Each structure stands twice: as structure tokens, then as C-alpha cells.
Protein backbone atom coordinates (compact mmCIF):
# COMPACT_ATOMS: atom_id res chain seq x y z
CA MET A 1 9.88 -17.35 8.30
CA PRO A 2 12.69 -15.11 9.52
CA GLY A 3 12.68 -13.74 13.04
CA ILE A 4 13.57 -10.44 14.65
CA GLY A 5 17.18 -11.59 15.05
CA ASP A 6 17.46 -12.35 11.34
CA ALA A 7 16.01 -8.94 10.49
CA ILE A 8 18.47 -7.19 12.80
CA ALA A 9 21.44 -9.15 11.43
CA SER A 10 20.36 -8.34 7.87
CA LEU A 11 19.97 -4.63 8.62
CA ARG A 12 23.26 -4.59 10.47
CA GLY A 13 24.99 -6.15 7.47
CA HIS A 14 23.32 -3.74 5.08
CA HIS A 15 24.55 -0.81 7.16
CA GLN A 16 28.01 -2.40 7.48
CA LEU A 17 27.91 -2.45 11.27
CA SER A 18 29.57 -5.09 13.40
CA GLN A 19 27.75 -6.56 16.36
CA GLN A 20 30.05 -4.43 18.53
CA ASP A 21 29.14 -1.27 16.57
CA LEU A 22 25.43 -1.94 17.11
CA ALA A 23 26.00 -2.81 20.77
CA ASP A 24 27.88 0.46 21.29
CA ARG A 25 25.05 2.47 19.71
CA LEU A 26 22.51 0.70 21.90
CA LYS A 27 24.66 0.94 25.04
CA THR A 28 24.67 -2.82 25.51
CA SER A 29 27.19 -5.62 25.02
CA ARG A 30 28.13 -7.55 21.89
CA PRO A 31 27.04 -10.88 23.46
CA VAL A 32 23.54 -9.43 23.95
CA ILE A 33 23.37 -8.56 20.23
CA ALA A 34 24.64 -12.04 19.35
CA GLN A 35 21.96 -13.63 21.55
CA ILE A 36 19.21 -11.48 19.97
CA GLU A 37 20.38 -12.29 16.43
CA SER A 38 20.61 -16.01 17.17
CA GLY A 39 17.10 -16.06 18.65
CA HIS A 40 18.30 -16.97 22.15
CA ARG A 41 17.13 -13.66 23.59
CA GLY A 42 13.92 -11.77 22.96
CA ILE A 43 13.58 -8.01 22.88
CA SER A 44 11.07 -5.58 24.30
CA HIS A 45 9.16 -3.10 22.18
CA ALA A 46 11.35 -0.33 23.65
CA LYS A 47 14.53 -2.16 22.55
CA ALA A 48 13.02 -2.82 19.11
CA LYS A 49 12.29 0.91 18.80
CA LYS A 50 15.89 1.78 19.71
CA ILE A 51 17.19 -0.72 17.16
CA ALA A 52 14.86 0.63 14.47
CA ASP A 53 16.06 4.16 15.27
CA VAL A 54 19.68 3.11 14.74
CA PHE A 55 18.75 1.96 11.24
CA GLY A 56 16.51 4.94 10.51
CA ILE A 57 13.35 2.91 10.01
CA PRO A 58 10.00 2.80 11.80
CA VAL A 59 9.70 -0.02 14.32
CA ALA A 60 6.77 -1.36 12.25
CA VAL A 61 9.15 -1.97 9.34
CA LEU A 62 11.51 -3.86 11.65
CA HIS A 63 8.60 -6.10 12.66
CA LEU A 64 7.60 -6.57 9.01
CA LEU A 65 11.14 -7.63 8.17
CA ALA A 66 10.97 -10.12 11.03
CA GLU A 67 7.69 -11.62 9.84
CA GLU A 68 8.10 -11.82 6.10
CA GLU A 69 10.49 -13.38 3.63
CA PRO A 70 12.20 -10.59 1.64
CA ASP A 71 10.34 -11.26 -1.63
CA GLU A 72 7.00 -11.49 0.16
CA LEU A 73 7.75 -8.25 1.98
CA VAL A 74 8.41 -6.43 -1.30
CA VAL A 75 5.08 -7.64 -2.68
CA LYS A 76 3.27 -6.61 0.51
CA LEU A 77 4.87 -3.14 0.53
CA GLN A 78 3.99 -2.62 -3.14
CA GLN A 79 0.39 -3.61 -2.44
CA MET A 80 0.24 -1.24 0.54
CA ALA A 81 1.63 1.58 -1.62
CA ARG A 82 -0.92 0.93 -4.37
CA GLU A 83 -3.77 0.92 -1.88
CA SER A 84 -2.64 4.08 -0.13
CA LEU A 85 -2.12 5.89 -3.43
CA GLY A 86 -5.21 4.46 -5.11
CA MET A 87 -3.06 3.06 -7.91
CA GLU A 88 -3.21 -0.22 -9.76
CA THR A 89 0.53 -0.55 -10.35
CA VAL A 90 3.68 0.74 -8.76
CA GLY A 91 6.87 1.11 -10.73
CA PRO A 92 9.23 3.61 -12.23
CA ARG A 93 7.75 6.85 -13.43
CA ARG A 94 7.25 7.10 -17.11
CA HIS A 95 8.04 10.50 -18.54
CA ARG A 96 5.69 11.84 -21.14
CA LYS A 97 6.92 13.98 -23.95
CA ALA A 98 5.68 17.50 -23.56
CA ALA A 99 3.06 18.32 -26.14
CA SER A 100 4.34 21.04 -28.38
CA ALA A 101 2.10 24.02 -28.81
CA ASN A 102 1.67 24.89 -32.48
């Protein structure tokens, strides 16, 4: 199971930010980011919220990323979407041909 540090490192990579870039945005030092990502330093909820804000995601999603393997997370998010929308499947929209009026 990944941890919060793995989730942050993954998001940072996805957003093409260096540890220094993230540290600058959070007004902290690069070694602090390195310690968080390596699991040698924990973070408070307030710090997690600030990190989530940098990446434009809710803090709950950051915690989900920290708790789930990527494939398992996709399945869980799809299930949550189906349940919230009352749907049986989630996927690309299928366009119907407009019925012609004769």
C-alpha cells in the first residue's frame, strides 16, 4: 500500500514540479518535502490540505491516493460515481442518432 509520501511524489511528478518547486509553494524547505515523500516525516491535516490545494484536488482525494493502489483507486472511484449517479456502469458517453421526423 502506498503512503502519503508516495501520493505526493506521484502528484508532484504528474504536475512536473521539483521538490524545490513544491517546497517554495508551501513555504517550506526541499529537505522537508524529501522527508515527507520518503516517509521519514508525517504531515498534519493542515499541511495535507495545503498540499492538496497546490495540486487542485480535495484533501480527501490525496488521502485516497495514499491509501489505495492506483488500479484499486480507479475501481473505487468508478463505484462511487455509479452509486452517486444511480448508474450500473460508468464509461464514455454513447451518442444516439437523432430520430428523424417523417
